[in-house]
PDB file of N, CA and C in Angstrom:
ATOM      1  N   MET A   1     114.613  85.690-113.923  1.00  0.00           N
ATOM      2  CA  MET A   1     114.881  86.766-113.014  1.00  0.00           C
ATOM      3  C   MET A   1     115.275  88.001-113.813  1.00  0.00           C
ATOM      4  N   THR A   2     114.746  89.150-113.443  1.00  0.00           N
ATOM      5  CA  THR A   2     115.104  90.404-114.096  1.00  0.00           C
ATOM      6  C   THR A   2     115.565  91.412-113.064  1.00  0.00           C
ATOM      7  N   HIS A   3     116.205  92.453-113.524  1.00  0.00           N
ATOM      8  CA  HIS A   3     116.664  93.524-112.656  1.00  0.00           C
ATOM      9  C   HIS A   3     116.012  94.816-113.120  1.00  0.00           C
ATOM     10  N   ARG A   4     116.272  95.921-112.454  1.00  0.00           N
ATOM     11  CA  ARG A   4     115.592  97.187-112.734  1.00  0.00           C
ATOM     12  C   ARG A   4     115.754  97.660-114.174  1.00  0.00           C
ATOM     13  N   CYS A   5     116.834  97.257-114.844  1.00  0.00           N
ATOM     14  CA  CYS A   5     117.027  97.668-116.234  1.00  0.00           C
ATOM     15  C   CYS A   5     116.253  96.769-117.194  1.00  0.00           C
ATOM     16  N   GLY A   6     115.694  95.659-116.675  1.00  0.00           N
ATOM     17  CA  GLY A   6     114.928  94.744-117.502  1.00  0.00           C
ATOM     18  C   GLY A   6     115.737  93.595-118.081  1.00  0.00           C
ATOM     19  N   HIS A   7     117.010  93.502-117.723  1.00  0.00           N
ATOM     20  CA  HIS A   7     117.829  92.400-118.232  1.00  0.00           C
ATOM     21  C   HIS A   7     117.260  91.069-117.742  1.00  0.00           C
ATOM     22  N   LEU A   8     117.051  90.154-118.652  1.00  0.00           N
ATOM     23  CA  LEU A   8     116.548  88.828-118.323  1.00  0.00           C
ATOM     24  C   LEU A   8     117.739  87.889-118.161  1.00  0.00           C
ATOM     25  N   TYR A   9     117.879  87.320-116.960  1.00  0.00           N
ATOM     26  CA  TYR A   9     119.031  86.473-116.653  1.00  0.00           C
ATOM     27  C   TYR A   9     118.861  85.050-117.129  1.00  0.00           C
ATOM     28  N   CYS A  10     117.786  84.411-116.687  1.00  0.00           N
ATOM     29  CA  CYS A  10     117.643  82.989-116.943  1.00  0.00           C
ATOM     30  C   CYS A  10     116.237  82.555-116.547  1.00  0.00           C
ATOM     31  N   LYS A  11     115.991  81.254-116.697  1.00  0.00           N
ATOM     32  CA  LYS A  11     114.723  80.702-116.243  1.00  0.00           C
ATOM     33  C   LYS A  11     114.717  80.624-114.721  1.00  0.00           C
ATOM     34  N   ALA A  12     113.545  80.523-114.129  1.00  0.00           N
ATOM     35  CA  ALA A  12     113.398  80.521-112.670  1.00  0.00           C
ATOM     36  C   ALA A  12     114.082  79.336-112.001  1.00  0.00           C
ATOM     37  N   ASP A  13     114.289  78.245-112.722  1.00  0.00           N
ATOM     38  CA  ASP A  13     114.912  77.070-112.107  1.00  0.00           C
ATOM     39  C   ASP A  13     116.433  77.019-112.306  1.00  0.00           C
ATOM     40  N   GLU A  14     117.028  78.149-112.702  1.00  0.00           N
ATOM     41  CA  GLU A  14     118.470  78.239-112.896  1.00  0.00           C
ATOM     42  C   GLU A  14     119.073  79.238-111.907  1.00  0.00           C
ATOM     43  N   ASN A  15     120.366  79.131-111.671  1.00  0.00           N
ATOM     44  CA  ASN A  15     121.074  80.042-110.787  1.00  0.00           C
ATOM     45  C   ASN A  15     121.453  81.300-111.577  1.00  0.00           C
ATOM     46  N   TYR A  16     120.868  82.435-111.202  1.00  0.00           N
ATOM     47  CA  TYR A  16     121.105  83.687-111.925  1.00  0.00           C
ATOM     48  C   TYR A  16     122.582  84.106-111.913  1.00  0.00           C
ATOM     49  N   LYS A  17     123.336  83.638-110.942  1.00  0.00           N
ATOM     50  CA  LYS A  17     124.736  84.043-110.833  1.00  0.00           C
ATOM     51  C   LYS A  17     125.580  83.532-112.003  1.00  0.00           C
ATOM     52  N   HIS A  18     125.127  82.461-112.642  1.00  0.00           N
ATOM     53  CA  HIS A  18     125.840  81.953-113.813  1.00  0.00           C
ATOM     54  C   HIS A  18     125.647  82.870-115.015  1.00  0.00           C
ATOM     55  N   TYR A  19     124.718  83.806-114.939  1.00  0.00           N
ATOM     56  CA  TYR A  19     124.410  84.703-116.046  1.00  0.00           C
ATOM     57  C   TYR A  19     124.761  86.156-115.721  1.00  0.00           C
ATOM     58  N   ALA A  20     125.243  86.412-114.523  1.00  0.00           N
ATOM     59  CA  ALA A  20     125.623  87.756-114.104  1.00  0.00           C
ATOM     60  C   ALA A  20     127.109  87.982-114.359  1.00  0.00           C
ATOM     61  N   LEU A  21     127.512  89.247-114.350  1.00  0.00           N
ATOM     62  CA  LEU A  21     128.941  89.550-114.376  1.00  0.00           C
ATOM     63  C   LEU A  21     129.529  89.093-113.051  1.00  0.00           C
ATOM     64  N   HIS A  22     130.668  88.454-113.087  1.00  0.00           N
ATOM     65  CA  HIS A  22     131.251  87.841-111.896  1.00  0.00           C
ATOM     66  C   HIS A  22     132.703  88.296-111.756  1.00  0.00           C
ATOM     67  N   ARG A  23     132.987  88.906-110.620  1.00  0.00           N
ATOM     68  CA  ARG A  23     134.351  89.364-110.340  1.00  0.00           C
ATOM     69  C   ARG A  23     134.792  88.762-109.017  1.00  0.00           C
ATOM     70  N   ILE A  24     136.032  88.320-108.934  1.00  0.00           N
ATOM     71  CA  ILE A  24     136.587  87.755-107.703  1.00  0.00           C
ATOM     72  C   ILE A  24     137.647  88.715-107.171  1.00  0.00           C
ATOM     73  N   LEU A  25     137.498  89.065-105.889  1.00  0.00           N
ATOM     74  CA  LEU A  25     138.435  89.974-105.244  1.00  0.00           C
ATOM     75  C   LEU A  25     139.076  89.257-104.067  1.00  0.00           C
ATOM     76  N   ASP A  26     140.372  89.026-104.135  1.00  0.00           N
ATOM     77  CA  ASP A  26     141.118  88.368-103.058  1.00  0.00           C
ATOM     78  C   ASP A  26     141.149  89.300-101.850  1.00  0.00           C
ATOM     79  N   LEU A  27     140.807  88.782-100.681  1.00  0.00           N
ATOM     80  CA  LEU A  27     140.797  89.616 -99.478  1.00  0.00           C
ATOM     81  C   LEU A  27     142.175  90.181 -99.160  1.00  0.00           C
ATOM     82  N   ASN A  28     143.226  89.486 -99.546  1.00  0.00           N
ATOM     83  CA  ASN A  28     144.578  89.978 -99.294  1.00  0.00           C
ATOM     84  C   ASN A  28     144.894  91.228-100.105  1.00  0.00           C
ATOM     85  N   ASP A  29     144.140  91.457-101.175  1.00  0.00           N
ATOM     86  CA  ASP A  29     144.335  92.645-102.005  1.00  0.00           C
ATOM     87  C   ASP A  29     143.476  93.814-101.549  1.00  0.00           C
ATOM     88  N   SER A  30     142.475  93.564-100.707  1.00  0.00           N
ATOM     89  CA  SER A  30     141.525  94.627-100.386  1.00  0.00           C
ATOM     90  C   SER A  30     141.362  94.920 -98.893  1.00  0.00           C
ATOM     91  N   MET A  31     141.931  94.099 -98.031  1.00  0.00           N
ATOM     92  CA  MET A  31     141.765  94.273 -96.592  1.00  0.00           C
ATOM     93  C   MET A  31     143.108  94.620 -95.951  1.00  0.00           C
ATOM     94  N   PRO A  32     143.061  95.296 -94.795  1.00  0.00           N
ATOM     95  CA  PRO A  32     144.333  95.537 -94.084  1.00  0.00           C
ATOM     96  C   PRO A  32     144.922  94.217 -93.606  1.00  0.00           C
ATOM     97  N   PRO A  33     146.219  94.165 -93.410  1.00  0.00           N
ATOM     98  CA  PRO A  33     146.852  92.908 -92.978  1.00  0.00           C
ATOM     99  C   PRO A  33     146.318  92.434 -91.628  1.00  0.00           C
ATOM    100  N   LEU A  34     146.293  91.139 -91.455  1.00  0.00           N
ATOM    101  CA  LEU A  34     145.925  90.572 -90.166  1.00  0.00           C
ATOM    102  C   LEU A  34     147.028  90.865 -89.150  1.00  0.00           C
ATOM    103  N   PRO A  35     146.677  91.070 -87.883  1.00  0.00           N
ATOM    104  CA  PRO A  35     147.695  91.356 -86.868  1.00  0.00           C
ATOM    105  C   PRO A  35     148.753  90.252 -86.738  1.00  0.00           C
ATOM    106  N   THR A  36     148.371  89.013 -87.043  1.00  0.00           N
ATOM    107  CA  THR A  36     149.297  87.882 -86.928  1.00  0.00           C
ATOM    108  C   THR A  36     150.248  87.772 -88.124  1.00  0.00           C
ATOM    109  N   GLY A  37     149.944  88.506 -89.183  1.00  0.00           N
ATOM    110  CA  GLY A  37     150.755  88.415 -90.395  1.00  0.00           C
ATOM    111  C   GLY A  37     150.311  87.310 -91.337  1.00  0.00           C
ATOM    112  N   GLU A  38     149.350  86.492 -90.893  1.00  0.00           N
ATOM    113  CA  GLU A  38     148.839  85.422 -91.757  1.00  0.00           C
ATOM    114  C   GLU A  38     148.034  86.023 -92.905  1.00  0.00           C
ATOM    115  N   ARG A  39     147.883  85.230 -93.941  1.00  0.00           N
ATOM    116  CA  ARG A  39     147.084  85.666 -95.092  1.00  0.00           C
ATOM    117  C   ARG A  39     145.622  85.303 -94.875  1.00  0.00           C
ATOM    118  N   TYR A  40     144.732  86.071 -95.461  1.00  0.00           N
ATOM    119  CA  TYR A  40     143.310  85.733 -95.450  1.00  0.00           C
ATOM    120  C   TYR A  40     143.097  84.485 -96.297  1.00  0.00           C
ATOM    121  N   ILE A  41     142.100  83.679 -95.940  1.00  0.00           N
ATOM    122  CA  ILE A  41     141.823  82.465 -96.708  1.00  0.00           C
ATOM    123  C   ILE A  41     140.582  82.621 -97.576  1.00  0.00           C
ATOM    124  N   GLY A  42     140.028  83.830 -97.641  1.00  0.00           N
ATOM    125  CA  GLY A  42     138.791  84.026 -98.380  1.00  0.00           C
ATOM    126  C   GLY A  42     138.933  85.001 -99.521  1.00  0.00           C
ATOM    127  N   GLU A  43     137.853  85.071-100.278  1.00  0.00           N
ATOM    128  CA  GLU A  43     137.757  86.003-101.388  1.00  0.00           C
ATOM    129  C   GLU A  43     136.307  86.425-101.556  1.00  0.00           C
ATOM    130  N   TYR A  44     136.104  87.629-102.036  1.00  0.00           N
ATOM    131  CA  TYR A  44     134.761  88.109-102.337  1.00  0.00           C
ATOM    132  C   TYR A  44     134.408  87.707-103.766  1.00  0.00           C
ATOM    133  N   HIS A  45     133.208  87.215-103.939  1.00  0.00           N
ATOM    134  CA  HIS A  45     132.661  86.964-105.269  1.00  0.00           C
ATOM    135  C   HIS A  45     131.561  87.996-105.468  1.00  0.00           C
ATOM    136  N   ILE A  46     131.769  88.895-106.412  1.00  0.00           N
ATOM    137  CA  ILE A  46     130.882  90.033-106.629  1.00  0.00           C
ATOM    138  C   ILE A  46     130.115  89.808-107.923  1.00  0.00           C
ATOM    139  N   TYR A  47     128.786  89.870-107.822  1.00  0.00           N
ATOM    140  CA  TYR A  47     127.905  89.647-108.972  1.00  0.00           C
ATOM    141  C   TYR A  47     127.194  90.939-109.327  1.00  0.00           C
ATOM    142  N   SER A  48     127.187  91.254-110.631  1.00  0.00           N
ATOM    143  CA  SER A  48     126.560  92.483-111.117  1.00  0.00           C
ATOM    144  C   SER A  48     125.709  92.190-112.339  1.00  0.00           C
ATOM    145  N   CYS A  49     124.769  93.083-112.591  1.00  0.00           N
ATOM    146  CA  CYS A  49     123.879  92.965-113.748  1.00  0.00           C
ATOM    147  C   CYS A  49     124.656  93.271-115.024  1.00  0.00           C
ATOM    148  N   PRO A  50     124.594  92.400-116.040  1.00  0.00           N
ATOM    149  CA  PRO A  50     125.276  92.682-117.301  1.00  0.00           C
ATOM    150  C   PRO A  50     124.610  93.808-118.090  1.00  0.00           C
ATOM    151  N   GLY A  51     123.362  94.134-117.743  1.00  0.00           N
ATOM    152  CA  GLY A  51     122.655  95.188-118.466  1.00  0.00           C
ATOM    153  C   GLY A  51     122.961  96.583-117.968  1.00  0.00           C
ATOM    154  N   CYS A  52     123.035  96.758-116.633  1.00  0.00           N
ATOM    155  CA  CYS A  52     123.228  98.100-116.066  1.00  0.00           C
ATOM    156  C   CYS A  52     124.362  98.177-115.053  1.00  0.00           C
ATOM    157  N   ALA A  53     125.038  97.068-114.793  1.00  0.00           N
ATOM    158  CA  ALA A  53     126.179  96.977-113.870  1.00  0.00           C
ATOM    159  C   ALA A  53     125.809  97.206-112.407  1.00  0.00           C
ATOM    160  N   ALA A  54     124.538  97.169-112.060  1.00  0.00           N
ATOM    161  CA  ALA A  54     124.136  97.281-110.656  1.00  0.00           C
ATOM    162  C   ALA A  54     124.627  96.047-109.900  1.00  0.00           C
ATOM    163  N   GLN A  55     125.174  96.276-108.714  1.00  0.00           N
ATOM    164  CA  GLN A  55     125.653  95.154-107.905  1.00  0.00           C
ATOM    165  C   GLN A  55     124.474  94.379-107.362  1.00  0.00           C
ATOM    166  N   LEU A  56     124.492  93.063-107.546  1.00  0.00           N
ATOM    167  CA  LEU A  56     123.395  92.194-107.127  1.00  0.00           C
ATOM    168  C   LEU A  56     123.679  91.480-105.821  1.00  0.00           C
ATOM    169  N   GLN A  57     124.909  91.002-105.653  1.00  0.00           N
ATOM    170  CA  GLN A  57     125.228  90.143-104.518  1.00  0.00           C
ATOM    171  C   GLN A  57     126.731  90.105-104.320  1.00  0.00           C
ATOM    172  N   VAL A  58     127.155  89.989-103.066  1.00  0.00           N
ATOM    173  CA  VAL A  58     128.561  89.746-102.733  1.00  0.00           C
ATOM    174  C   VAL A  58     128.588  88.536-101.812  1.00  0.00           C
ATOM    175  N   ASP A  59     129.318  87.500-102.203  1.00  0.00           N
ATOM    176  CA  ASP A  59     129.459  86.296-101.396  1.00  0.00           C
ATOM    177  C   ASP A  59     130.905  86.196-100.921  1.00  0.00           C
ATOM    178  N   LEU A  60     131.092  85.641 -99.748  1.00  0.00           N
ATOM    179  CA  LEU A  60     132.423  85.369 -99.229  1.00  0.00           C
ATOM    180  C   LEU A  60     132.675  83.878 -99.404  1.00  0.00           C
ATOM    181  N   TYR A  61     133.761  83.540-100.070  1.00  0.00           N
ATOM    182  CA  TYR A  61     134.086  82.144-100.360  1.00  0.00           C
ATOM    183  C   TYR A  61     135.522  81.875 -99.955  1.00  0.00           C
ATOM    184  N   SER A  62     135.760  80.695 -99.400  1.00  0.00           N
ATOM    185  CA  SER A  62     137.107  80.283 -99.020  1.00  0.00           C
ATOM    186  C   SER A  62     137.488  79.033 -99.804  1.00  0.00           C
ATOM    187  N   PRO A  63     138.345  79.171-100.813  1.00  0.00           N
ATOM    188  CA  PRO A  63     138.739  78.005-101.612  1.00  0.00           C
ATOM    189  C   PRO A  63     139.335  76.870-100.782  1.00  0.00           C
ATOM    190  N   SER A  64     140.057  77.196 -99.724  1.00  0.00           N
ATOM    191  CA  SER A  64     140.695  76.147 -98.927  1.00  0.00           C
ATOM    192  C   SER A  64     139.692  75.308 -98.137  1.00  0.00           C
ATOM    193  N   LEU A  65     138.478  75.818 -97.961  1.00  0.00           N
ATOM    194  CA  LEU A  65     137.446  75.062 -97.250  1.00  0.00           C
ATOM    195  C   LEU A  65     136.584  74.231 -98.187  1.00  0.00           C
ATOM    196  N   GLY A  66     136.737  74.431 -99.485  1.00  0.00           N
ATOM    197  CA  GLY A  66     136.000  73.655-100.481  1.00  0.00           C
ATOM    198  C   GLY A  66     134.583  74.126-100.683  1.00  0.00           C
ATOM    199  N   GLY A  67     133.845  73.319-101.412  1.00  0.00           N
ATOM    200  CA  GLY A  67     132.467  73.668-101.737  1.00  0.00           C
ATOM    201  C   GLY A  67     132.383  74.339-103.093  1.00  0.00           C
ATOM    202  N   ASP A  68     131.172  74.665-103.477  1.00  0.00           N
ATOM    203  CA  ASP A  68     130.922  75.307-104.767  1.00  0.00           C
ATOM    204  C   ASP A  68     131.157  76.806-104.636  1.00  0.00           C
ATOM    205  N   PRO A  69     132.029  77.385-105.448  1.00  0.00           N
ATOM    206  CA  PRO A  69     132.292  78.818-105.330  1.00  0.00           C
ATOM    207  C   PRO A  69     131.108  79.694-105.748  1.00  0.00           C
ATOM    208  N   VAL A  70     130.193  79.136-106.548  1.00  0.00           N
ATOM    209  CA  VAL A  70     129.020  79.907-106.956  1.00  0.00           C
ATOM    210  C   VAL A  70     127.837  79.430-106.112  1.00  0.00           C
ATOM    211  N   LEU A  71     127.590  80.140-105.024  1.00  0.00           N
ATOM    212  CA  LEU A  71     126.522  79.807-104.100  1.00  0.00           C
ATOM    213  C   LEU A  71     125.157  79.997-104.766  1.00  0.00           C
ATOM    214  N   TRP A  72     124.285  79.021-104.638  1.00  0.00           N
ATOM    215  CA  TRP A  72     122.928  79.135-105.175  1.00  0.00           C
ATOM    216  C   TRP A  72     122.035  79.486-104.000  1.00  0.00           C
ATOM    217  N   ASP A  73     121.886  80.782-103.761  1.00  0.00           N
ATOM    218  CA  ASP A  73     121.182  81.255-102.573  1.00  0.00           C
ATOM    219  C   ASP A  73     119.710  81.568-102.793  1.00  0.00           C
ATOM    220  N   THR A  74     119.287  81.675-104.041  1.00  0.00           N
ATOM    221  CA  THR A  74     117.896  81.992-104.345  1.00  0.00           C
ATOM    222  C   THR A  74     117.324  80.917-105.256  1.00  0.00           C
ATOM    223  N   ARG A  75     116.375  80.152-104.760  1.00  0.00           N
ATOM    224  CA  ARG A  75     115.723  79.118-105.562  1.00  0.00           C
ATOM    225  C   ARG A  75     114.231  79.364-105.553  1.00  0.00           C
ATOM    226  N   ILE A  76     113.646  79.393-106.725  1.00  0.00           N
ATOM    227  CA  ILE A  76     112.215  79.607-106.853  1.00  0.00           C
ATOM    228  C   ILE A  76     111.569  78.278-107.165  1.00  0.00           C
ATOM    229  N   ALA A  77     110.654  77.860-106.298  1.00  0.00           N
ATOM    230  CA  ALA A  77     109.995  76.555-106.470  1.00  0.00           C
ATOM    231  C   ALA A  77     108.878  76.622-107.483  1.00  0.00           C
TER     232      ALA A  77
END
């Protein structure tokens, strides 16, 4: 997979997110407080190109619900 700057991430059968810049933003640090006073249970996972820093994808992940934090959303057969 490549991006507009030509950065080559990985082979087609790999998850490009493992090769992108990855930043995690806690929703409690970036969103207004909930009316109930409870804390948010999610976080944004922001992926960017290491070559030009263009934002590629933003995923919402909730650690308390489990699962893989690095979603594999694009698979090329």
